[in-house]
Amino acid sequence: MYALVEIRGKQYRVEQDSVITVDHLDGEEGSEIAFDSVVLLNTGDAVNVGTPYVSGASVMAEITEHNRGRKVVVFKHKRRKNYRRTHGHRQHYSVVKVKDIVTG
C-alpha cells in the first residue's frame, strides 16, 4: 500500500516505514504529525484518486530530525566592471518517518 501526499506544496510517494526528507516542518524532533492532504491512495486492489484530496485518508508520521542541506553559493559577476557579489544559502529540511497510512 502506498499514498501520494502533499506536504508544503510538494507531492511525495510514501509507504509504511519509509523515510522522506521534506522542507522544514514546525514541531520538535520525536513529535507525531498527521498529513491529511492525501492525493492518491493505492491499497493494492483499489486505487482512490482524490478530487483534490481523498476524504478520510491521512498519513501518520514522526519527525525524526531537523537538519540543513549543503551550501549553495550564488556568485554574481559583471566583467570589466569590478562587480562581484557572493551570497550563500543553506536550506532547512526535516526528516520524517511514516508510521501508518490511515484509509477513510
PDB file of N, CA and C in Angstrom:
ATOM      1  N   MET A   1       0.841  -1.163   0.000  1.00  0.00           N
ATOM      2  CA  MET A   1       0.000   0.000   0.000  1.00  0.00           C
ATOM      3  C   MET A   1       0.895   1.238   0.000  1.00  0.00           C
ATOM      4  N   TYR A   2       0.530   2.224  -0.816  1.00  0.00           N
ATOM      5  CA  TYR A   2       1.263   3.476  -0.825  1.00  0.00           C
ATOM      6  C   TYR A   2       0.291   4.622  -1.033  1.00  0.00           C
ATOM      7  N   ALA A   3       0.782   5.831  -0.767  1.00  0.00           N
ATOM      8  CA  ALA A   3      -0.050   7.021  -0.913  1.00  0.00           C
ATOM      9  C   ALA A   3       0.792   8.149  -1.483  1.00  0.00           C
ATOM     10  N   LEU A   4       0.138   9.031  -2.211  1.00  0.00           N
ATOM     11  CA  LEU A   4       0.752  10.277  -2.646  1.00  0.00           C
ATOM     12  C   LEU A   4       0.214  11.362  -1.734  1.00  0.00           C
ATOM     13  N   VAL A   5       1.104  12.008  -1.010  1.00  0.00           N
ATOM     14  CA  VAL A   5       0.681  13.007  -0.039  1.00  0.00           C
ATOM     15  C   VAL A   5       1.327  14.342  -0.385  1.00  0.00           C
ATOM     16  N   GLU A   6       0.578  15.415  -0.171  1.00  0.00           N
ATOM     17  CA  GLU A   6       1.084  16.759  -0.451  1.00  0.00           C
ATOM     18  C   GLU A   6       1.530  17.390   0.863  1.00  0.00           C
ATOM     19  N   ILE A   7       2.830  17.757   0.915  1.00  0.00           N
ATOM     20  CA  ILE A   7       3.416  18.361   2.105  1.00  0.00           C
ATOM     21  C   ILE A   7       4.074  19.666   1.694  1.00  0.00           C
ATOM     22  N   ARG A   8       3.564  20.762   2.200  1.00  0.00           N
ATOM     23  CA  ARG A   8       4.093  22.107   1.935  1.00  0.00           C
ATOM     24  C   ARG A   8       4.233  22.389   0.446  1.00  0.00           C
ATOM     25  N   GLY A   9       3.221  22.004  -0.333  1.00  0.00           N
ATOM     26  CA  GLY A   9       3.187  22.331  -1.748  1.00  0.00           C
ATOM     27  C   GLY A   9       3.889  21.354  -2.656  1.00  0.00           C
ATOM     28  N   LYS A  10       4.497  20.306  -2.107  1.00  0.00           N
ATOM     29  CA  LYS A  10       5.180  19.298  -2.922  1.00  0.00           C
ATOM     30  C   LYS A  10       4.555  17.937  -2.654  1.00  0.00           C
ATOM     31  N   GLN A  11       4.585  17.062  -3.650  1.00  0.00           N
ATOM     32  CA  GLN A  11       3.974  15.751  -3.518  1.00  0.00           C
ATOM     33  C   GLN A  11       5.046  14.678  -3.333  1.00  0.00           C
ATOM     34  N   TYR A  12       4.780  13.748  -2.407  1.00  0.00           N
ATOM     35  CA  TYR A  12       5.712  12.687  -2.088  1.00  0.00           C
ATOM     36  C   TYR A  12       4.980  11.353  -2.114  1.00  0.00           C
ATOM     37  N   ARG A  13       5.649  10.314  -2.610  1.00  0.00           N
ATOM     38  CA  ARG A  13       5.111   8.956  -2.586  1.00  0.00           C
ATOM     39  C   ARG A  13       5.629   8.289  -1.324  1.00  0.00           C
ATOM     40  N   VAL A  14       4.713   7.881  -0.443  1.00  0.00           N
ATOM     41  CA  VAL A  14       5.116   7.318   0.839  1.00  0.00           C
ATOM     42  C   VAL A  14       4.520   5.931   1.019  1.00  0.00           C
ATOM     43  N   GLU A  15       5.234   5.095   1.732  1.00  0.00           N
ATOM     44  CA  GLU A  15       4.776   3.786   2.156  1.00  0.00           C
ATOM     45  C   GLU A  15       4.980   3.697   3.660  1.00  0.00           C
ATOM     46  N   GLN A  16       4.446   2.654   4.274  1.00  0.00           N
ATOM     47  CA  GLN A  16       4.631   2.487   5.705  1.00  0.00           C
ATOM     48  C   GLN A  16       6.107   2.206   5.995  1.00  0.00           C
ATOM     49  N   ASP A  17       6.633   2.833   7.033  1.00  0.00           N
ATOM     50  CA  ASP A  17       8.030   2.736   7.486  1.00  0.00           C
ATOM     51  C   ASP A  17       9.024   3.352   6.506  1.00  0.00           C
ATOM     52  N   SER A  18       8.574   4.189   5.582  1.00  0.00           N
ATOM     53  CA  SER A  18       9.519   4.870   4.691  1.00  0.00           C
ATOM     54  C   SER A  18       9.991   6.165   5.341  1.00  0.00           C
ATOM     55  N   VAL A  19      11.180   6.595   4.963  1.00  0.00           N
ATOM     56  CA  VAL A  19      11.793   7.815   5.492  1.00  0.00           C
ATOM     57  C   VAL A  19      11.950   8.790   4.340  1.00  0.00           C
ATOM     58  N   ILE A  20      11.403  10.014   4.497  1.00  0.00           N
ATOM     59  CA  ILE A  20      11.493  11.023   3.449  1.00  0.00           C
ATOM     60  C   ILE A  20      12.063  12.305   4.029  1.00  0.00           C
ATOM     61  N   THR A  21      12.654  13.107   3.169  1.00  0.00           N
ATOM     62  CA  THR A  21      13.191  14.407   3.547  1.00  0.00           C
ATOM     63  C   THR A  21      12.304  15.472   2.918  1.00  0.00           C
ATOM     64  N   VAL A  22      11.727  16.335   3.757  1.00  0.00           N
ATOM     65  CA  VAL A  22      10.799  17.365   3.287  1.00  0.00           C
ATOM     66  C   VAL A  22      11.312  18.723   3.742  1.00  0.00           C
ATOM     67  N   ASP A  23      10.679  19.785   3.243  1.00  0.00           N
ATOM     68  CA  ASP A  23      11.013  21.124   3.711  1.00  0.00           C
ATOM     69  C   ASP A  23      10.721  21.226   5.202  1.00  0.00           C
ATOM     70  N   HIS A  24      11.330  22.186   5.845  1.00  0.00           N
ATOM     71  CA  HIS A  24      11.270  22.308   7.304  1.00  0.00           C
ATOM     72  C   HIS A  24       9.830  22.353   7.807  1.00  0.00           C
ATOM     73  N   LEU A  25       9.537  21.503   8.787  1.00  0.00           N
ATOM     74  CA  LEU A  25       8.218  21.445   9.412  1.00  0.00           C
ATOM     75  C   LEU A  25       8.298  22.011  10.825  1.00  0.00           C
ATOM     76  N   ASP A  26       7.221  22.651  11.252  1.00  0.00           N
ATOM     77  CA  ASP A  26       7.155  23.135  12.624  1.00  0.00           C
ATOM     78  C   ASP A  26       6.857  21.955  13.537  1.00  0.00           C
ATOM     79  N   GLY A  27       7.600  21.824  14.585  1.00  0.00           N
ATOM     80  CA  GLY A  27       7.434  20.714  15.520  1.00  0.00           C
ATOM     81  C   GLY A  27       8.793  20.249  15.992  1.00  0.00           C
ATOM     82  N   GLU A  28       8.785  19.600  17.139  1.00  0.00           N
ATOM     83  CA  GLU A  28      10.042  19.132  17.713  1.00  0.00           C
ATOM     84  C   GLU A  28      10.370  17.729  17.217  1.00  0.00           C
ATOM     85  N   GLU A  29      11.629  17.355  17.371  1.00  0.00           N
ATOM     86  CA  GLU A  29      12.048  16.010  16.989  1.00  0.00           C
ATOM     87  C   GLU A  29      11.356  14.992  17.885  1.00  0.00           C
ATOM     88  N   GLY A  30      10.845  13.937  17.279  1.00  0.00           N
ATOM     89  CA  GLY A  30      10.145  12.911  18.024  1.00  0.00           C
ATOM     90  C   GLY A  30       8.646  13.132  18.128  1.00  0.00           C
ATOM     91  N   SER A  31       8.161  14.260  17.621  1.00  0.00           N
ATOM     92  CA  SER A  31       6.729  14.530  17.720  1.00  0.00           C
ATOM     93  C   SER A  31       5.968  13.888  16.559  1.00  0.00           C
ATOM     94  N   GLU A  32       4.733  13.509  16.829  1.00  0.00           N
ATOM     95  CA  GLU A  32       3.859  12.910  15.818  1.00  0.00           C
ATOM     96  C   GLU A  32       3.209  14.015  14.997  1.00  0.00           C
ATOM     97  N   ILE A  33       2.996  13.734  13.726  1.00  0.00           N
ATOM     98  CA  ILE A  33       2.358  14.696  12.834  1.00  0.00           C
ATOM     99  C   ILE A  33       1.468  13.926  11.864  1.00  0.00           C
ATOM    100  N   ALA A  34       0.350  14.535  11.475  1.00  0.00           N
ATOM    101  CA  ALA A  34      -0.593  13.897  10.561  1.00  0.00           C
ATOM    102  C   ALA A  34      -0.729  14.757   9.312  1.00  0.00           C
ATOM    103  N   PHE A  35      -0.664  14.120   8.161  1.00  0.00           N
ATOM    104  CA  PHE A  35      -0.851  14.797   6.881  1.00  0.00           C
ATOM    105  C   PHE A  35      -2.198  14.362   6.316  1.00  0.00           C
ATOM    106  N   ASP A  36      -3.135  15.305   6.192  1.00  0.00           N
ATOM    107  CA  ASP A  36      -4.481  14.985   5.731  1.00  0.00           C
ATOM    108  C   ASP A  36      -4.653  15.155   4.232  1.00  0.00           C
ATOM    109  N   SER A  37      -3.699  15.785   3.575  1.00  0.00           N
ATOM    110  CA  SER A  37      -3.836  16.069   2.147  1.00  0.00           C
ATOM    111  C   SER A  37      -3.273  14.915   1.317  1.00  0.00           C
ATOM    112  N   VAL A  38      -4.021  13.802   1.281  1.00  0.00           N
ATOM    113  CA  VAL A  38      -3.642  12.619   0.505  1.00  0.00           C
ATOM    114  C   VAL A  38      -4.263  12.762  -0.885  1.00  0.00           C
ATOM    115  N   VAL A  39      -3.422  12.793  -1.910  1.00  0.00           N
ATOM    116  CA  VAL A  39      -3.887  12.997  -3.283  1.00  0.00           C
ATOM    117  C   VAL A  39      -4.313  11.682  -3.914  1.00  0.00           C
ATOM    118  N   LEU A  40      -3.580  10.596  -3.630  1.00  0.00           N
ATOM    119  CA  LEU A  40      -3.870   9.296  -4.212  1.00  0.00           C
ATOM    120  C   LEU A  40      -3.589   8.229  -3.166  1.00  0.00           C
ATOM    121  N   LEU A  41      -4.444   7.200  -3.144  1.00  0.00           N
ATOM    122  CA  LEU A  41      -4.283   6.116  -2.191  1.00  0.00           C
ATOM    123  C   LEU A  41      -4.412   4.792  -2.921  1.00  0.00           C
ATOM    124  N   ASN A  42      -3.353   3.978  -2.870  1.00  0.00           N
ATOM    125  CA  ASN A  42      -3.349   2.671  -3.520  1.00  0.00           C
ATOM    126  C   ASN A  42      -3.289   1.618  -2.425  1.00  0.00           C
ATOM    127  N   THR A  43      -4.360   0.819  -2.307  1.00  0.00           N
ATOM    128  CA  THR A  43      -4.423  -0.204  -1.268  1.00  0.00           C
ATOM    129  C   THR A  43      -4.009  -1.576  -1.772  1.00  0.00           C
ATOM    130  N   GLY A  44      -3.606  -1.699  -3.005  1.00  0.00           N
ATOM    131  CA  GLY A  44      -3.200  -2.985  -3.566  1.00  0.00           C
ATOM    132  C   GLY A  44      -4.242  -3.536  -4.511  1.00  0.00           C
ATOM    133  N   ASP A  45      -5.505  -3.442  -4.127  1.00  0.00           N
ATOM    134  CA  ASP A  45      -6.568  -3.932  -5.004  1.00  0.00           C
ATOM    135  C   ASP A  45      -7.409  -2.797  -5.576  1.00  0.00           C
ATOM    136  N   ALA A  46      -7.325  -1.613  -4.995  1.00  0.00           N
ATOM    137  CA  ALA A  46      -8.095  -0.465  -5.491  1.00  0.00           C
ATOM    138  C   ALA A  46      -7.242   0.792  -5.405  1.00  0.00           C
ATOM    139  N   VAL A  47      -7.478   1.705  -6.333  1.00  0.00           N
ATOM    140  CA  VAL A  47      -6.776   2.986  -6.360  1.00  0.00           C
ATOM    141  C   VAL A  47      -7.815   4.085  -6.196  1.00  0.00           C
ATOM    142  N   ASN A  48      -7.657   4.906  -5.165  1.00  0.00           N
ATOM    143  CA  ASN A  48      -8.559   6.029  -4.929  1.00  0.00           C
ATOM    144  C   ASN A  48      -7.833   7.307  -5.287  1.00  0.00           C
ATOM    145  N   VAL A  49      -8.408   8.066  -6.214  1.00  0.00           N
ATOM    146  CA  VAL A  49      -7.848   9.351  -6.620  1.00  0.00           C
ATOM    147  C   VAL A  49      -8.749  10.438  -6.064  1.00  0.00           C
ATOM    148  N   GLY A  50      -8.166  11.381  -5.354  1.00  0.00           N
ATOM    149  CA  GLY A  50      -8.948  12.433  -4.722  1.00  0.00           C
ATOM    150  C   GLY A  50      -9.289  13.562  -5.670  1.00  0.00           C
ATOM    151  N   THR A  51     -10.312  14.303  -5.292  1.00  0.00           N
ATOM    152  CA  THR A  51     -10.718  15.480  -6.059  1.00  0.00           C
ATOM    153  C   THR A  51     -10.856  16.677  -5.133  1.00  0.00           C
ATOM    154  N   PRO A  52      -9.896  17.374  -4.674  1.00  0.00           N
ATOM    155  CA  PRO A  52      -8.461  17.178  -4.901  1.00  0.00           C
ATOM    156  C   PRO A  52      -7.826  16.190  -3.922  1.00  0.00           C
ATOM    157  N   TYR A  53      -8.480  15.904  -2.772  1.00  0.00           N
ATOM    158  CA  TYR A  53      -7.894  15.005  -1.783  1.00  0.00           C
ATOM    159  C   TYR A  53      -8.841  13.841  -1.508  1.00  0.00           C
ATOM    160  N   VAL A  54      -8.286  12.717  -1.088  1.00  0.00           N
ATOM    161  CA  VAL A  54      -9.077  11.546  -0.735  1.00  0.00           C
ATOM    162  C   VAL A  54      -9.692  11.814   0.642  1.00  0.00           C
ATOM    163  N   SER A  55     -11.014  11.727   0.733  1.00  0.00           N
ATOM    164  CA  SER A  55     -11.683  12.043   2.000  1.00  0.00           C
ATOM    165  C   SER A  55     -11.470  10.916   3.007  1.00  0.00           C
ATOM    166  N   GLY A  56     -11.140  11.297   4.229  1.00  0.00           N
ATOM    167  CA  GLY A  56     -10.952  10.336   5.302  1.00  0.00           C
ATOM    168  C   GLY A  56      -9.585   9.690   5.357  1.00  0.00           C
ATOM    169  N   ALA A  57      -8.739   9.910   4.384  1.00  0.00           N
ATOM    170  CA  ALA A  57      -7.406   9.299   4.373  1.00  0.00           C
ATOM    171  C   ALA A  57      -6.393  10.279   4.961  1.00  0.00           C
ATOM    172  N   SER A  58      -5.434   9.739   5.698  1.00  0.00           N
ATOM    173  CA  SER A  58      -4.370  10.559   6.253  1.00  0.00           C
ATOM    174  C   SER A  58      -3.121   9.712   6.432  1.00  0.00           C
ATOM    175  N   VAL A  59      -2.012  10.382   6.610  1.00  0.00           N
ATOM    176  CA  VAL A  59      -0.726   9.721   6.807  1.00  0.00           C
ATOM    177  C   VAL A  59      -0.191  10.164   8.170  1.00  0.00           C
ATOM    178  N   MET A  60       0.081   9.195   9.029  1.00  0.00           N
ATOM    179  CA  MET A  60       0.640   9.473  10.346  1.00  0.00           C
ATOM    180  C   MET A  60       2.155   9.306  10.267  1.00  0.00           C
ATOM    181  N   ALA A  61       2.885  10.304  10.775  1.00  0.00           N
ATOM    182  CA  ALA A  61       4.340  10.283  10.662  1.00  0.00           C
ATOM    183  C   ALA A  61       4.973  10.844  11.925  1.00  0.00           C
ATOM    184  N   GLU A  62       6.285  10.662  12.018  1.00  0.00           N
ATOM    185  CA  GLU A  62       7.053  11.161  13.147  1.00  0.00           C
ATOM    186  C   GLU A  62       8.241  11.940  12.617  1.00  0.00           C
ATOM    187  N   ILE A  63       8.486  13.112  13.191  1.00  0.00           N
ATOM    188  CA  ILE A  63       9.644  13.918  12.808  1.00  0.00           C
ATOM    189  C   ILE A  63      10.858  13.335  13.528  1.00  0.00           C
ATOM    190  N   THR A  64      11.810  12.811  12.762  1.00  0.00           N
ATOM    191  CA  THR A  64      12.968  12.193  13.398  1.00  0.00           C
ATOM    192  C   THR A  64      14.107  13.185  13.620  1.00  0.00           C
ATOM    193  N   GLU A  65      14.309  14.121  12.707  1.00  0.00           N
ATOM    194  CA  GLU A  65      15.365  15.112  12.912  1.00  0.00           C
ATOM    195  C   GLU A  65      15.162  16.313  12.006  1.00  0.00           C
ATOM    196  N   HIS A  66      15.793  17.419  12.397  1.00  0.00           N
ATOM    197  CA  HIS A  66      15.865  18.625  11.589  1.00  0.00           C
ATOM    198  C   HIS A  66      17.332  18.815  11.197  1.00  0.00           C
ATOM    199  N   ASN A  67      17.584  19.119   9.931  1.00  0.00           N
ATOM    200  CA  ASN A  67      18.950  19.376   9.518  1.00  0.00           C
ATOM    201  C   ASN A  67      18.958  20.374   8.372  1.00  0.00           C
ATOM    202  N   ARG A  68      20.143  20.657   7.865  1.00  0.00           N
ATOM    203  CA  ARG A  68      20.302  21.616   6.784  1.00  0.00           C
ATOM    204  C   ARG A  68      21.017  20.944   5.624  1.00  0.00           C
ATOM    205  N   GLY A  69      20.687  21.387   4.412  1.00  0.00           N
ATOM    206  CA  GLY A  69      21.311  20.846   3.215  1.00  0.00           C
ATOM    207  C   GLY A  69      22.681  21.442   2.983  1.00  0.00           C
ATOM    208  N   ARG A  70      23.284  21.075   1.846  1.00  0.00           N
ATOM    209  CA  ARG A  70      24.589  21.631   1.531  1.00  0.00           C
ATOM    210  C   ARG A  70      24.463  23.095   1.160  1.00  0.00           C
ATOM    211  N   LYS A  71      25.562  23.793   1.276  1.00  0.00           N
ATOM    212  CA  LYS A  71      25.568  25.212   0.977  1.00  0.00           C
ATOM    213  C   LYS A  71      25.591  25.430  -0.523  1.00  0.00           C
ATOM    214  N   VAL A  72      24.741  26.327  -0.976  1.00  0.00           N
ATOM    215  CA  VAL A  72      24.688  26.712  -2.379  1.00  0.00           C
ATOM    216  C   VAL A  72      25.287  28.111  -2.473  1.00  0.00           C
ATOM    217  N   VAL A  73      26.299  28.275  -3.299  1.00  0.00           N
ATOM    218  CA  VAL A  73      26.963  29.563  -3.458  1.00  0.00           C
ATOM    219  C   VAL A  73      26.420  30.243  -4.702  1.00  0.00           C
ATOM    220  N   VAL A  74      25.930  31.480  -4.523  1.00  0.00           N
ATOM    221  CA  VAL A  74      25.431  32.279  -5.630  1.00  0.00           C
ATOM    222  C   VAL A  74      26.462  33.373  -5.884  1.00  0.00           C
ATOM    223  N   PHE A  75      27.030  33.390  -7.075  1.00  0.00           N
ATOM    224  CA  PHE A  75      28.083  34.342  -7.401  1.00  0.00           C
ATOM    225  C   PHE A  75      27.649  35.184  -8.591  1.00  0.00           C
ATOM    226  N   LYS A  76      27.548  36.481  -8.370  1.00  0.00           N
ATOM    227  CA  LYS A  76      27.200  37.405  -9.449  1.00  0.00           C
ATOM    228  C   LYS A  76      28.474  38.126  -9.891  1.00  0.00           C
ATOM    229  N   HIS A  77      28.590  38.307 -11.202  1.00  0.00           N
ATOM    230  CA  HIS A  77      29.818  38.893 -11.734  1.00  0.00           C
ATOM    231  C   HIS A  77      29.503  39.597 -13.040  1.00  0.00           C
ATOM    232  N   LYS A  78      30.013  40.819 -13.187  1.00  0.00           N
ATOM    233  CA  LYS A  78      29.920  41.533 -14.466  1.00  0.00           C
ATOM    234  C   LYS A  78      31.340  41.864 -14.894  1.00  0.00           C
ATOM    235  N   ARG A  79      31.694  41.372 -16.047  1.00  0.00           N
ATOM    236  CA  ARG A  79      33.081  41.507 -16.468  1.00  0.00           C
ATOM    237  C   ARG A  79      33.446  42.956 -16.770  1.00  0.00           C
ATOM    238  N   ARG A  80      34.667  43.277 -16.465  1.00  0.00           N
ATOM    239  CA  ARG A  80      35.273  44.584 -16.694  1.00  0.00           C
ATOM    240  C   ARG A  80      34.578  45.712 -15.940  1.00  0.00           C
ATOM    241  N   LYS A  81      33.723  45.444 -14.991  1.00  0.00           N
ATOM    242  CA  LYS A  81      33.021  46.497 -14.250  1.00  0.00           C
ATOM    243  C   LYS A  81      33.361  46.480 -12.759  1.00  0.00           C
ATOM    244  N   ASN A  82      34.254  45.542 -12.361  1.00  0.00           N
ATOM    245  CA  ASN A  82      34.648  45.395 -10.966  1.00  0.00           C
ATOM    246  C   ASN A  82      33.430  45.144 -10.067  1.00  0.00           C
ATOM    247  N   TYR A  83      32.502  44.317 -10.563  1.00  0.00           N
ATOM    248  CA  TYR A  83      31.293  43.963  -9.803  1.00  0.00           C
ATOM    249  C   TYR A  83      31.316  42.475  -9.497  1.00  0.00           C
ATOM    250  N   ARG A  84      31.440  42.147  -8.228  1.00  0.00           N
ATOM    251  CA  ARG A  84      31.402  40.759  -7.780  1.00  0.00           C
ATOM    252  C   ARG A  84      30.618  40.692  -6.484  1.00  0.00           C
ATOM    253  N   ARG A  85      29.637  39.793  -6.431  1.00  0.00           N
ATOM    254  CA  ARG A  85      28.857  39.601  -5.217  1.00  0.00           C
ATOM    255  C   ARG A  85      28.748  38.097  -4.953  1.00  0.00           C
ATOM    256  N   THR A  86      29.059  37.692  -3.753  1.00  0.00           N
ATOM    257  CA  THR A  86      28.948  36.290  -3.364  1.00  0.00           C
ATOM    258  C   THR A  86      27.901  36.186  -2.265  1.00  0.00           C
ATOM    259  N   HIS A  87      26.995  35.249  -2.448  1.00  0.00           N
ATOM    260  CA  HIS A  87      25.924  35.046  -1.474  1.00  0.00           C
ATOM    261  C   HIS A  87      25.714  33.545  -1.330  1.00  0.00           C
ATOM    262  N   GLY A  88      25.499  33.077  -0.110  1.00  0.00           N
ATOM    263  CA  GLY A  88      25.305  31.658   0.125  1.00  0.00           C
ATOM    264  C   GLY A  88      23.948  31.375   0.737  1.00  0.00           C
ATOM    265  N   HIS A  89      23.522  30.120   0.634  1.00  0.00           N
ATOM    266  CA  HIS A  89      22.229  29.710   1.182  1.00  0.00           C
ATOM    267  C   HIS A  89      22.288  28.251   1.584  1.00  0.00           C
ATOM    268  N   ARG A  90      21.697  27.926   2.746  1.00  0.00           N
ATOM    269  CA  ARG A  90      21.540  26.539   3.187  1.00  0.00           C
ATOM    270  C   ARG A  90      20.077  26.329   3.535  1.00  0.00           C
ATOM    271  N   GLN A  91      19.455  25.374   2.870  1.00  0.00           N
ATOM    272  CA  GLN A  91      18.036  25.102   3.076  1.00  0.00           C
ATOM    273  C   GLN A  91      17.832  24.237   4.314  1.00  0.00           C
ATOM    274  N   HIS A  92      16.800  24.543   5.086  1.00  0.00           N
ATOM    275  CA  HIS A  92      16.448  23.742   6.264  1.00  0.00           C
ATOM    276  C   HIS A  92      15.523  22.609   5.839  1.00  0.00           C
ATOM    277  N   TYR A  93      15.793  21.407   6.328  1.00  0.00           N
ATOM    278  CA  TYR A  93      15.000  20.221   5.998  1.00  0.00           C
ATOM    279  C   TYR A  93      14.557  19.514   7.269  1.00  0.00           C
ATOM    280  N   SER A  94      13.534  18.694   7.135  1.00  0.00           N
ATOM    281  CA  SER A  94      13.096  17.809   8.206  1.00  0.00           C
ATOM    282  C   SER A  94      13.055  16.391   7.662  1.00  0.00           C
ATOM    283  N   VAL A  95      13.528  15.444   8.448  1.00  0.00           N
ATOM    284  CA  VAL A  95      13.479  14.038   8.077  1.00  0.00           C
ATOM    285  C   VAL A  95      12.280  13.430   8.787  1.00  0.00           C
ATOM    286  N   VAL A  96      11.394  12.795   8.002  1.00  0.00           N
ATOM    287  CA  VAL A  96      10.123  12.293   8.521  1.00  0.00           C
ATOM    288  C   VAL A  96      10.048  10.793   8.269  1.00  0.00           C
ATOM    289  N   LYS A  97       9.642  10.035   9.291  1.00  0.00           N
ATOM    290  CA  LYS A  97       9.426   8.601   9.144  1.00  0.00           C
ATOM    291  C   LYS A  97       7.922   8.350   9.183  1.00  0.00           C
ATOM    292  N   VAL A  98       7.422   7.662   8.156  1.00  0.00           N
ATOM    293  CA  VAL A  98       5.988   7.375   8.037  1.00  0.00           C
ATOM    294  C   VAL A  98       5.654   6.194   8.941  1.00  0.00           C
ATOM    295  N   LYS A  99       4.722   6.388   9.853  1.00  0.00           N
ATOM    296  CA  LYS A  99       4.310   5.334  10.781  1.00  0.00           C
ATOM    297  C   LYS A  99       3.167   4.491  10.205  1.00  0.00           C
ATOM    298  N   ASP A 100       2.132   5.178   9.673  1.00  0.00           N
ATOM    299  CA  ASP A 100       0.943   4.456   9.243  1.00  0.00           C
ATOM    300  C   ASP A 100       0.192   5.272   8.200  1.00  0.00           C
ATOM    301  N   ILE A 101      -0.470   4.564   7.303  1.00  0.00           N
ATOM    302  CA  ILE A 101      -1.353   5.177   6.310  1.00  0.00           C
ATOM    303  C   ILE A 101      -2.782   4.786   6.684  1.00  0.00           C
ATOM    304  N   VAL A 102      -3.576   5.780   7.063  1.00  0.00           N
ATOM    305  CA  VAL A 102      -4.938   5.532   7.526  1.00  0.00           C
ATOM    306  C   VAL A 102      -5.887   5.737   6.360  1.00  0.00           C
ATOM    307  N   THR A 103      -6.678   4.704   6.049  1.00  0.00           N
ATOM    308  CA  THR A 103      -7.668   4.814   4.974  1.00  0.00           C
ATOM    309  C   THR A 103      -8.992   5.240   5.562  1.00  0.00           C
ATOM    310  N   GLY A 104      -9.770   5.940   4.764  1.00  0.00           N
ATOM    311  CA  GLY A 104     -11.011   6.512   5.275  1.00  0.00           C
ATOM    312  C   GLY A 104     -12.197   5.644   5.206  1.00  0.00           C
TER     313      GLY A 104
END
